[in-house]
Amino acid sequence: MTRNSYPIKTFPTELIFWCLGILGILLIDTESTQHFTLCPIGLLGFEWCPGCGLGRSMKLLIEGNFKASWEMHPLAGLAWIVILLRIFNLIKHLKAKRNYG
């Protein structure tokens, strides 16, 4: 069998990861006071973590609530840019590799 007969095996899993991450961020309820966390620093009992609040801040930014987003985590805009550029590069590489479009 040739390599092209198994396209799912060569599909970049990183692209799926980032797309699901974006979907997860868009589904965050920013009004809720309770939220589930996987943060190891928070689970150890520390009250401050440099990454906590980034997802909710990104959601607030996409909703247009810039002040609340900045107050929650100032790097939300940078995170959006980095993630979207990475997705763009992965799709560009995928298209070049497979000759799509």
C-alpha atoms as a PDB file:
ATOM      1  CA  MET A   1       0.000   0.000   0.000  1.00  0.00           C
ATOM      2  CA  THR A   2       1.167   3.505  -0.725  1.00  0.00           C
ATOM      3  CA  ARG A   3       1.393   6.312   1.762  1.00  0.00           C
ATOM      4  CA  ASN A   4      -1.591   8.142   0.256  1.00  0.00           C
ATOM      5  CA  SER A   5      -3.899   5.214   0.946  1.00  0.00           C
ATOM      6  CA  TYR A   6      -3.710   5.975   4.709  1.00  0.00           C
ATOM      7  CA  PRO A   7      -4.321   9.750   4.896  1.00  0.00           C
ATOM      8  CA  ILE A   8      -5.528   9.638   8.509  1.00  0.00           C
ATOM      9  CA  LYS A   9      -2.140   8.346   9.688  1.00  0.00           C
ATOM     10  CA  THR A  10      -0.303  11.273   8.135  1.00  0.00           C
ATOM     11  CA  PHE A  11      -2.770  13.929   9.291  1.00  0.00           C
ATOM     12  CA  PRO A  12      -1.027  16.210  11.816  1.00  0.00           C
ATOM     13  CA  THR A  13      -2.403  15.469  15.276  1.00  0.00           C
ATOM     14  CA  GLU A  14      -1.117  18.847  16.428  1.00  0.00           C
ATOM     15  CA  LEU A  15      -3.645  20.509  14.126  1.00  0.00           C
ATOM     16  CA  ILE A  16      -6.455  18.512  15.734  1.00  0.00           C
ATOM     17  CA  PHE A  17      -5.130  19.440  19.199  1.00  0.00           C
ATOM     18  CA  TRP A  18      -5.098  23.187  18.469  1.00  0.00           C
ATOM     19  CA  CYS A  19      -8.524  23.139  16.791  1.00  0.00           C
ATOM     20  CA  LEU A  20     -10.025  21.285  19.750  1.00  0.00           C
ATOM     21  CA  GLY A  21      -8.287  23.750  22.069  1.00  0.00           C
ATOM     22  CA  ILE A  22      -9.899  26.675  20.255  1.00  0.00           C
ATOM     23  CA  LEU A  23     -13.263  24.921  20.430  1.00  0.00           C
ATOM     24  CA  GLY A  24     -12.772  24.356  24.169  1.00  0.00           C
ATOM     25  CA  ILE A  25     -11.945  28.033  24.697  1.00  0.00           C
ATOM     26  CA  LEU A  26     -15.035  29.100  22.772  1.00  0.00           C
ATOM     27  CA  LEU A  27     -17.188  26.871  24.994  1.00  0.00           C
ATOM     28  CA  ILE A  28     -15.905  28.354  28.278  1.00  0.00           C
ATOM     29  CA  ASP A  29     -18.560  29.997  30.433  1.00  0.00           C
ATOM     30  CA  THR A  30     -16.877  33.197  31.598  1.00  0.00           C
ATOM     31  CA  GLU A  31     -19.781  34.125  33.889  1.00  0.00           C
ATOM     32  CA  SER A  32     -19.403  31.010  36.034  1.00  0.00           C
ATOM     33  CA  THR A  33     -17.581  31.347  39.348  1.00  0.00           C
ATOM     34  CA  GLN A  34     -16.809  27.612  39.469  1.00  0.00           C
ATOM     35  CA  HIS A  35     -14.662  25.986  36.840  1.00  0.00           C
ATOM     36  CA  PHE A  36     -12.818  22.731  36.332  1.00  0.00           C
ATOM     37  CA  THR A  37      -9.034  22.975  36.294  1.00  0.00           C
ATOM     38  CA  LEU A  38      -6.204  20.666  35.322  1.00  0.00           C
ATOM     39  CA  CYS A  39      -3.558  23.120  36.537  1.00  0.00           C
ATOM     40  CA  PRO A  40      -0.976  21.164  38.576  1.00  0.00           C
ATOM     41  CA  ILE A  41       0.062  24.306  40.460  1.00  0.00           C
ATOM     42  CA  GLY A  42      -3.538  25.047  41.435  1.00  0.00           C
ATOM     43  CA  LEU A  43      -4.132  21.430  42.400  1.00  0.00           C
ATOM     44  CA  LEU A  44      -1.094  21.622  44.720  1.00  0.00           C
ATOM     45  CA  GLY A  45      -2.823  24.445  46.591  1.00  0.00           C
ATOM     46  CA  PHE A  46      -0.985  27.484  45.290  1.00  0.00           C
ATOM     47  CA  GLU A  47      -3.262  30.453  44.646  1.00  0.00           C
ATOM     48  CA  TRP A  48      -1.235  32.025  41.816  1.00  0.00           C
ATOM     49  CA  CYS A  49      -0.247  30.405  38.539  1.00  0.00           C
ATOM     50  CA  PRO A  50       1.175  32.233  35.490  1.00  0.00           C
ATOM     51  CA  GLY A  51      -1.099  30.324  33.092  1.00  0.00           C
ATOM     52  CA  CYS A  52      -4.368  30.213  34.995  1.00  0.00           C
ATOM     53  CA  GLY A  53      -7.050  32.460  33.558  1.00  0.00           C
ATOM     54  CA  LEU A  54      -5.539  32.488  30.069  1.00  0.00           C
ATOM     55  CA  GLY A  55      -8.379  30.460  28.515  1.00  0.00           C
ATOM     56  CA  ARG A  56     -11.099  32.595  30.076  1.00  0.00           C
ATOM     57  CA  SER A  57      -9.161  35.718  29.127  1.00  0.00           C
ATOM     58  CA  MET A  58      -8.998  34.516  25.512  1.00  0.00           C
ATOM     59  CA  LYS A  59     -12.762  33.922  25.545  1.00  0.00           C
ATOM     60  CA  LEU A  60     -13.387  37.410  26.966  1.00  0.00           C
ATOM     61  CA  LEU A  61     -11.168  38.892  24.259  1.00  0.00           C
ATOM     62  CA  ILE A  62     -13.063  37.142  21.468  1.00  0.00           C
ATOM     63  CA  GLU A  63     -16.332  38.402  23.004  1.00  0.00           C
ATOM     64  CA  GLY A  64     -14.983  41.956  22.799  1.00  0.00           C
ATOM     65  CA  ASN A  65     -14.611  42.490  26.532  1.00  0.00           C
ATOM     66  CA  PHE A  66     -11.060  43.831  26.271  1.00  0.00           C
ATOM     67  CA  LYS A  67     -10.732  45.363  29.737  1.00  0.00           C
ATOM     68  CA  ALA A  68     -11.876  42.212  31.571  1.00  0.00           C
ATOM     69  CA  SER A  69      -9.643  40.121  29.319  1.00  0.00           C
ATOM     70  CA  TRP A  70      -6.599  42.278  30.097  1.00  0.00           C
ATOM     71  CA  GLU A  71      -7.325  42.222  33.818  1.00  0.00           C
ATOM     72  CA  MET A  72      -7.707  38.440  33.855  1.00  0.00           C
ATOM     73  CA  HIS A  73      -4.547  37.711  31.823  1.00  0.00           C
ATOM     74  CA  PRO A  74      -2.694  40.247  29.661  1.00  0.00           C
ATOM     75  CA  LEU A  75      -1.270  37.664  27.237  1.00  0.00           C
ATOM     76  CA  ALA A  76      -4.604  36.558  25.742  1.00  0.00           C
ATOM     77  CA  GLY A  77      -4.078  38.480  22.494  1.00  0.00           C
ATOM     78  CA  LEU A  78      -0.601  37.056  22.065  1.00  0.00           C
ATOM     79  CA  ALA A  79      -1.942  33.551  22.726  1.00  0.00           C
ATOM     80  CA  TRP A  80      -4.596  33.990  20.007  1.00  0.00           C
ATOM     81  CA  ILE A  81      -1.968  35.173  17.530  1.00  0.00           C
ATOM     82  CA  VAL A  82       0.428  32.311  18.280  1.00  0.00           C
ATOM     83  CA  ILE A  83      -2.259  29.609  18.121  1.00  0.00           C
ATOM     84  CA  LEU A  84      -3.864  30.941  14.935  1.00  0.00           C
ATOM     85  CA  LEU A  85      -0.463  31.306  13.220  1.00  0.00           C
ATOM     86  CA  ARG A  86       0.404  27.745  14.193  1.00  0.00           C
ATOM     87  CA  ILE A  87      -2.899  26.458  12.792  1.00  0.00           C
ATOM     88  CA  PHE A  88      -2.336  28.454   9.595  1.00  0.00           C
ATOM     89  CA  ASN A  89       1.192  27.044   9.195  1.00  0.00           C
ATOM     90  CA  LEU A  90       0.024  23.476   9.809  1.00  0.00           C
ATOM     91  CA  ILE A  91      -2.727  23.818   7.194  1.00  0.00           C
ATOM     92  CA  LYS A  92      -0.306  25.471   4.753  1.00  0.00           C
ATOM     93  CA  HIS A  93       2.178  22.629   5.246  1.00  0.00           C
ATOM     94  CA  LEU A  94      -0.581  20.047   4.892  1.00  0.00           C
ATOM     95  CA  LYS A  95      -1.784  21.615   1.637  1.00  0.00           C
ATOM     96  CA  ALA A  96       1.755  21.797   0.235  1.00  0.00           C
ATOM     97  CA  LYS A  97       2.512  18.228   1.225  1.00  0.00           C
ATOM     98  CA  ARG A  98      -0.696  16.768  -0.213  1.00  0.00           C
ATOM     99  CA  ASN A  99      -1.179  19.128  -3.149  1.00  0.00           C
ATOM    100  CA  TYR A 100      -4.660  20.127  -1.986  1.00  0.00           C
ATOM    101  CA  GLY A 101      -6.365  23.180  -3.478  1.00  0.00           C
END
